[in-house]
Amino acid sequence: MIRGLGIAAAALGATAVMLGAFGAHALHGRVDERSLQVWRTAVDYQFWHALAVLAIAGFASATPRAWRFGGWIMCIGAFLFSASLYLLALGAPHALGMLTPVGGMLLIAGWVVIGYAFWCGAANK
């Protein structure tokens, strides 16, 4: 399971770099500045949470469920949050924007669960 988090973190990180480069090069001049800023926000959140999930995978042992649960919640949240922003930046219907706060709430929930894991001393077990 920890291996899975590490793989997910690597996938989030790699795609953040690819999508960041795509936004900087392929989208420049094709979308307005506001859309580019939305794209950059998506890349930033995806990359920072990829690093967080990588750290969680490193901290987590095979037994404490809170670490794994928090890490997977963050992965899903990062995907929903960033993917919805990428699509909005490319002109998707605004209704798709309803996924952005869902992803954001999952990111917050992931951080809360990881805080709980630290509170309980799960890193030391």
N, C-alpha and C. Protein backbone atom coordinates (compact mmCIF):
# COMPACT_ATOMS: atom_id res chain seq x y z
N MET A 1 0.82 -1.20 0.00
CA MET A 1 0.00 0.00 0.00
C MET A 1 0.87 1.26 0.00
N ILE A 2 1.95 1.26 0.78
CA ILE A 2 2.84 2.42 0.80
C ILE A 2 3.50 2.56 -0.56
N ARG A 3 3.83 1.43 -1.17
CA ARG A 3 4.40 1.43 -2.52
C ARG A 3 3.43 2.13 -3.48
N GLY A 4 2.13 1.84 -3.33
CA GLY A 4 1.13 2.47 -4.18
C GLY A 4 1.11 3.97 -4.02
N LEU A 5 1.25 4.46 -2.78
CA LEU A 5 1.30 5.90 -2.55
C LEU A 5 2.53 6.52 -3.21
N GLY A 6 3.64 5.83 -3.13
CA GLY A 6 4.86 6.32 -3.77
C GLY A 6 4.70 6.42 -5.27
N ILE A 7 4.08 5.40 -5.86
CA ILE A 7 3.84 5.41 -7.30
C ILE A 7 2.87 6.53 -7.67
N ALA A 8 1.81 6.70 -6.86
CA ALA A 8 0.85 7.77 -7.11
C ALA A 8 1.52 9.14 -7.00
N ALA A 9 2.39 9.32 -6.01
CA ALA A 9 3.10 10.59 -5.85
C ALA A 9 3.99 10.86 -7.06
N ALA A 10 4.68 9.82 -7.53
CA ALA A 10 5.54 9.99 -8.71
C ALA A 10 4.71 10.36 -9.94
N ALA A 11 3.55 9.74 -10.09
CA ALA A 11 2.68 10.04 -11.23
C ALA A 11 2.16 11.47 -11.14
N LEU A 12 1.73 11.89 -9.94
CA LEU A 12 1.27 13.27 -9.77
C LEU A 12 2.38 14.26 -10.06
N GLY A 13 3.59 13.97 -9.57
CA GLY A 13 4.72 14.86 -9.79
C GLY A 13 5.12 14.94 -11.25
N ALA A 14 5.22 13.80 -11.91
CA ALA A 14 5.62 13.78 -13.33
C ALA A 14 4.60 14.51 -14.20
N THR A 15 3.32 14.26 -13.95
CA THR A 15 2.31 14.93 -14.77
C THR A 15 2.25 16.43 -14.45
N ALA A 16 2.57 16.81 -13.21
CA ALA A 16 2.61 18.24 -12.88
C ALA A 16 3.71 18.93 -13.68
N VAL A 17 4.86 18.30 -13.80
CA VAL A 17 5.95 18.89 -14.59
C VAL A 17 5.55 18.96 -16.06
N MET A 18 4.97 17.89 -16.59
CA MET A 18 4.56 17.88 -18.00
C MET A 18 3.49 18.93 -18.28
N LEU A 19 2.49 18.99 -17.40
CA LEU A 19 1.41 19.95 -17.61
C LEU A 19 1.88 21.39 -17.39
N GLY A 20 2.83 21.57 -16.48
CA GLY A 20 3.41 22.90 -16.29
C GLY A 20 4.14 23.37 -17.54
N ALA A 21 4.92 22.47 -18.13
CA ALA A 21 5.63 22.81 -19.36
C ALA A 21 4.65 23.05 -20.51
N PHE A 22 3.64 22.22 -20.58
CA PHE A 22 2.61 22.40 -21.62
C PHE A 22 1.96 23.77 -21.49
N GLY A 23 1.61 24.13 -20.26
CA GLY A 23 0.98 25.43 -20.03
C GLY A 23 1.89 26.59 -20.38
N ALA A 24 3.16 26.47 -20.04
CA ALA A 24 4.11 27.55 -20.29
C ALA A 24 4.42 27.72 -21.77
N HIS A 25 4.41 26.62 -22.51
CA HIS A 25 4.84 26.69 -23.91
C HIS A 25 3.68 26.60 -24.90
N ALA A 26 2.86 25.60 -24.77
CA ALA A 26 1.81 25.36 -25.77
C ALA A 26 0.60 26.28 -25.58
N LEU A 27 0.31 26.66 -24.34
CA LEU A 27 -0.88 27.48 -24.11
C LEU A 27 -0.61 28.97 -24.20
N HIS A 28 0.66 29.35 -24.05
CA HIS A 28 1.00 30.78 -24.10
C HIS A 28 0.60 31.36 -25.45
N GLY A 29 -0.24 32.37 -25.42
CA GLY A 29 -0.72 33.00 -26.63
C GLY A 29 -1.99 32.38 -27.19
N ARG A 30 -2.39 31.23 -26.65
CA ARG A 30 -3.60 30.56 -27.14
C ARG A 30 -4.79 30.75 -26.19
N VAL A 31 -4.49 31.00 -24.92
CA VAL A 31 -5.55 31.26 -23.94
C VAL A 31 -5.23 32.60 -23.27
N ASP A 32 -6.23 33.20 -22.65
CA ASP A 32 -6.01 34.49 -22.01
C ASP A 32 -5.20 34.33 -20.71
N GLU A 33 -4.78 35.46 -20.18
CA GLU A 33 -3.92 35.47 -18.99
C GLU A 33 -4.62 34.86 -17.78
N ARG A 34 -5.91 35.10 -17.65
CA ARG A 34 -6.67 34.51 -16.53
C ARG A 34 -6.65 32.99 -16.61
N SER A 35 -6.84 32.44 -17.79
CA SER A 35 -6.81 30.98 -17.95
C SER A 35 -5.43 30.43 -17.66
N LEU A 36 -4.39 31.16 -18.07
CA LEU A 36 -3.02 30.71 -17.75
C LEU A 36 -2.79 30.71 -16.24
N GLN A 37 -3.35 31.70 -15.54
CA GLN A 37 -3.20 31.73 -14.09
C GLN A 37 -3.94 30.57 -13.43
N VAL A 38 -5.11 30.23 -13.93
CA VAL A 38 -5.84 29.07 -13.43
C VAL A 38 -5.01 27.81 -13.66
N TRP A 39 -4.41 27.69 -14.84
CA TRP A 39 -3.55 26.55 -15.16
C TRP A 39 -2.37 26.46 -14.18
N ARG A 40 -1.72 27.61 -13.93
CA ARG A 40 -0.58 27.63 -13.00
C ARG A 40 -1.01 27.22 -11.59
N THR A 41 -2.17 27.66 -11.17
CA THR A 41 -2.69 27.27 -9.85
C THR A 41 -2.86 25.76 -9.78
N ALA A 42 -3.41 25.18 -10.83
CA ALA A 42 -3.59 23.72 -10.87
C ALA A 42 -2.25 23.00 -10.78
N VAL A 43 -1.26 23.47 -11.53
CA VAL A 43 0.07 22.86 -11.50
C VAL A 43 0.68 22.98 -10.11
N ASP A 44 0.59 24.17 -9.52
CA ASP A 44 1.16 24.39 -8.18
C ASP A 44 0.56 23.44 -7.15
N TYR A 45 -0.76 23.38 -7.11
CA TYR A 45 -1.40 22.50 -6.13
C TYR A 45 -1.07 21.04 -6.39
N GLN A 46 -1.06 20.64 -7.65
CA GLN A 46 -0.74 19.25 -7.97
C GLN A 46 0.68 18.91 -7.54
N PHE A 47 1.62 19.80 -7.84
CA PHE A 47 3.01 19.50 -7.51
C PHE A 47 3.26 19.47 -6.01
N TRP A 48 2.74 20.46 -5.30
CA TRP A 48 2.95 20.48 -3.84
C TRP A 48 2.32 19.26 -3.17
N HIS A 49 1.18 18.84 -3.66
CA HIS A 49 0.55 17.68 -3.05
C HIS A 49 1.21 16.37 -3.48
N ALA A 50 1.83 16.37 -4.64
CA ALA A 50 2.65 15.20 -5.03
C ALA A 50 3.80 15.05 -4.04
N LEU A 51 4.44 16.15 -3.69
CA LEU A 51 5.52 16.10 -2.70
C LEU A 51 5.01 15.66 -1.33
N ALA A 52 3.83 16.16 -0.96
CA ALA A 52 3.26 15.76 0.33
C ALA A 52 2.96 14.27 0.36
N VAL A 53 2.39 13.74 -0.71
CA VAL A 53 2.08 12.32 -0.76
C VAL A 53 3.36 11.50 -0.75
N LEU A 54 4.40 11.98 -1.41
CA LEU A 54 5.69 11.28 -1.38
C LEU A 54 6.23 11.23 0.05
N ALA A 55 6.12 12.34 0.77
CA ALA A 55 6.56 12.36 2.17
C ALA A 55 5.73 11.41 3.02
N ILE A 56 4.44 11.39 2.78
CA ILE A 56 3.56 10.48 3.53
C ILE A 56 3.96 9.04 3.27
N ALA A 57 4.23 8.71 2.02
CA ALA A 57 4.66 7.35 1.68
C ALA A 57 5.95 7.00 2.40
N GLY A 58 6.83 7.97 2.60
CA GLY A 58 8.07 7.73 3.31
C GLY A 58 7.89 7.61 4.81
N PHE A 59 6.98 8.39 5.38
CA PHE A 59 6.72 8.34 6.81
C PHE A 59 5.92 7.12 7.22
N ALA A 60 5.01 6.75 6.39
CA ALA A 60 4.04 5.72 6.76
C ALA A 60 4.70 4.35 6.85
N SER A 61 4.33 3.63 7.85
CA SER A 61 4.76 2.24 7.94
C SER A 61 3.65 1.38 7.36
N ALA A 62 3.84 0.10 7.38
CA ALA A 62 2.86 -0.79 6.77
C ALA A 62 1.56 -0.89 7.58
N THR A 63 1.56 -0.48 8.84
CA THR A 63 0.38 -0.71 9.66
C THR A 63 -0.55 0.47 9.90
N PRO A 64 -0.08 1.69 10.23
CA PRO A 64 -1.04 2.75 10.55
C PRO A 64 -1.91 3.15 9.36
N ARG A 65 -3.18 2.94 9.50
CA ARG A 65 -4.13 3.22 8.43
C ARG A 65 -4.29 4.71 8.16
N ALA A 66 -4.13 5.53 9.19
CA ALA A 66 -4.34 6.96 9.02
C ALA A 66 -3.40 7.54 7.96
N TRP A 67 -2.16 7.09 7.94
CA TRP A 67 -1.20 7.59 6.94
C TRP A 67 -1.66 7.24 5.53
N ARG A 68 -2.00 5.98 5.33
CA ARG A 68 -2.42 5.55 3.99
C ARG A 68 -3.71 6.25 3.58
N PHE A 69 -4.65 6.31 4.50
CA PHE A 69 -5.94 6.94 4.21
C PHE A 69 -5.73 8.41 3.84
N GLY A 70 -4.96 9.13 4.64
CA GLY A 70 -4.69 10.54 4.36
C GLY A 70 -3.98 10.73 3.03
N GLY A 71 -3.04 9.86 2.73
CA GLY A 71 -2.32 9.96 1.46
C GLY A 71 -3.21 9.75 0.27
N TRP A 72 -4.08 8.74 0.35
CA TRP A 72 -4.99 8.48 -0.77
C TRP A 72 -6.04 9.57 -0.92
N ILE A 73 -6.51 10.12 0.20
CA ILE A 73 -7.45 11.24 0.11
C ILE A 73 -6.78 12.41 -0.60
N MET A 74 -5.51 12.67 -0.27
CA MET A 74 -4.79 13.76 -0.93
C MET A 74 -4.63 13.50 -2.42
N CYS A 75 -4.33 12.26 -2.78
CA CYS A 75 -4.18 11.93 -4.22
C CYS A 75 -5.47 12.21 -4.98
N ILE A 76 -6.57 11.75 -4.44
CA ILE A 76 -7.86 11.96 -5.10
C ILE A 76 -8.20 13.45 -5.13
N GLY A 77 -7.95 14.14 -4.03
CA GLY A 77 -8.22 15.57 -3.98
C GLY A 77 -7.37 16.35 -4.96
N ALA A 78 -6.09 16.02 -5.03
CA ALA A 78 -5.20 16.71 -5.98
C ALA A 78 -5.66 16.48 -7.42
N PHE A 79 -6.07 15.25 -7.70
CA PHE A 79 -6.55 14.95 -9.05
C PHE A 79 -7.80 15.74 -9.38
N LEU A 80 -8.80 15.69 -8.51
CA LEU A 80 -10.05 16.40 -8.78
C LEU A 80 -9.85 17.91 -8.86
N PHE A 81 -9.11 18.44 -7.90
CA PHE A 81 -8.89 19.88 -7.85
C PHE A 81 -8.16 20.35 -9.11
N SER A 82 -7.01 19.74 -9.39
CA SER A 82 -6.20 20.20 -10.51
C SER A 82 -6.85 19.88 -11.85
N ALA A 83 -7.38 18.68 -12.01
CA ALA A 83 -7.98 18.32 -13.29
C ALA A 83 -9.14 19.25 -13.64
N SER A 84 -9.95 19.59 -12.65
CA SER A 84 -11.07 20.49 -12.94
C SER A 84 -10.56 21.87 -13.36
N LEU A 85 -9.48 22.34 -12.73
CA LEU A 85 -8.92 23.64 -13.12
C LEU A 85 -8.29 23.58 -14.50
N TYR A 86 -7.59 22.49 -14.81
CA TYR A 86 -7.01 22.36 -16.16
C TYR A 86 -8.11 22.44 -17.21
N LEU A 87 -9.18 21.71 -16.97
CA LEU A 87 -10.28 21.68 -17.94
C LEU A 87 -10.97 23.04 -18.04
N LEU A 88 -11.16 23.71 -16.91
CA LEU A 88 -11.75 25.05 -16.95
C LEU A 88 -10.86 26.02 -17.72
N ALA A 89 -9.55 25.92 -17.52
CA ALA A 89 -8.62 26.80 -18.22
C ALA A 89 -8.67 26.58 -19.73
N LEU A 90 -9.03 25.37 -20.13
CA LEU A 90 -9.13 25.06 -21.56
C LEU A 90 -10.52 25.35 -22.13
N GLY A 91 -11.41 25.89 -21.30
CA GLY A 91 -12.71 26.30 -21.79
C GLY A 91 -13.86 25.35 -21.52
N ALA A 92 -13.67 24.40 -20.62
CA ALA A 92 -14.75 23.48 -20.28
C ALA A 92 -15.91 24.25 -19.66
N PRO A 93 -17.12 23.67 -19.69
CA PRO A 93 -18.27 24.35 -19.08
C PRO A 93 -18.03 24.67 -17.59
N HIS A 94 -18.53 25.81 -17.18
CA HIS A 94 -18.33 26.27 -15.79
C HIS A 94 -18.92 25.30 -14.77
N ALA A 95 -19.89 24.51 -15.16
CA ALA A 95 -20.48 23.53 -14.23
C ALA A 95 -19.44 22.54 -13.74
N LEU A 96 -18.43 22.29 -14.55
CA LEU A 96 -17.35 21.39 -14.15
C LEU A 96 -16.58 21.96 -12.95
N GLY A 97 -16.68 23.26 -12.78
CA GLY A 97 -16.02 23.92 -11.65
C GLY A 97 -16.54 23.45 -10.30
N MET A 98 -17.66 22.74 -10.28
CA MET A 98 -18.18 22.20 -9.02
C MET A 98 -17.24 21.14 -8.45
N LEU A 99 -16.40 20.55 -9.29
CA LEU A 99 -15.44 19.55 -8.80
C LEU A 99 -14.27 20.19 -8.06
N THR A 100 -13.97 21.44 -8.37
CA THR A 100 -12.82 22.10 -7.75
C THR A 100 -12.94 22.17 -6.22
N PRO A 101 -14.06 22.66 -5.66
CA PRO A 101 -14.15 22.68 -4.20
C PRO A 101 -14.22 21.29 -3.58
N VAL A 102 -14.75 20.31 -4.31
CA VAL A 102 -14.76 18.93 -3.79
C VAL A 102 -13.32 18.46 -3.64
N GLY A 103 -12.51 18.70 -4.68
CA GLY A 103 -11.09 18.35 -4.61
C GLY A 103 -10.39 19.10 -3.48
N GLY A 104 -10.71 20.38 -3.34
CA GLY A 104 -10.11 21.18 -2.27
C GLY A 104 -10.47 20.66 -0.89
N MET A 105 -11.73 20.27 -0.71
CA MET A 105 -12.15 19.71 0.58
C MET A 105 -11.43 18.39 0.86
N LEU A 106 -11.22 17.58 -0.17
CA LEU A 106 -10.48 16.33 0.02
C LEU A 106 -9.02 16.61 0.38
N LEU A 107 -8.43 17.64 -0.21
CA LEU A 107 -7.07 18.02 0.17
C LEU A 107 -7.01 18.42 1.64
N ILE A 108 -7.95 19.23 2.06
CA ILE A 108 -8.01 19.64 3.47
C ILE A 108 -8.21 18.43 4.36
N ALA A 109 -9.12 17.55 3.97
CA ALA A 109 -9.37 16.34 4.77
C ALA A 109 -8.11 15.49 4.86
N GLY A 110 -7.37 15.38 3.76
CA GLY A 110 -6.12 14.63 3.80
C GLY A 110 -5.13 15.20 4.79
N TRP A 111 -5.00 16.52 4.80
CA TRP A 111 -4.10 17.16 5.77
C TRP A 111 -4.58 16.93 7.20
N VAL A 112 -5.87 16.98 7.42
CA VAL A 112 -6.42 16.75 8.77
C VAL A 112 -6.12 15.31 9.21
N VAL A 113 -6.31 14.36 8.32
CA VAL A 113 -6.03 12.95 8.67
C VAL A 113 -4.54 12.76 8.96
N ILE A 114 -3.68 13.40 8.18
CA ILE A 114 -2.24 13.28 8.43
C ILE A 114 -1.89 13.94 9.78
N GLY A 115 -2.52 15.06 10.08
CA GLY A 115 -2.32 15.68 11.39
C GLY A 115 -2.74 14.74 12.51
N TYR A 116 -3.85 14.06 12.30
CA TYR A 116 -4.32 13.06 13.27
C TYR A 116 -3.30 11.94 13.43
N ALA A 117 -2.72 11.50 12.32
CA ALA A 117 -1.71 10.44 12.39
C ALA A 117 -0.51 10.89 13.21
N PHE A 118 -0.08 12.13 13.03
CA PHE A 118 1.02 12.66 13.85
C PHE A 118 0.59 12.76 15.32
N TRP A 119 -0.62 13.26 15.54
CA TRP A 119 -1.13 13.41 16.91
C TRP A 119 -1.11 12.10 17.66
N CYS A 120 -1.50 11.05 16.96
CA CYS A 120 -1.55 9.71 17.57
C CYS A 120 -0.19 9.04 17.63
N GLY A 121 0.82 9.66 17.08
CA GLY A 121 2.14 9.07 17.09
C GLY A 121 2.32 7.96 16.08
N ALA A 122 1.50 7.97 15.04
CA ALA A 122 1.56 6.89 14.06
C ALA A 122 2.90 6.81 13.34
N ALA A 123 3.64 7.90 13.28
CA ALA A 123 4.94 7.88 12.60
C ALA A 123 5.96 7.04 13.37
N ASN A 124 5.75 6.88 14.66
CA ASN A 124 6.71 6.16 15.49
C ASN A 124 6.39 4.69 15.64
N LYS A 125 5.33 4.23 15.04
CA LYS A 125 4.94 2.84 15.21
C LYS A 125 5.37 2.00 14.04
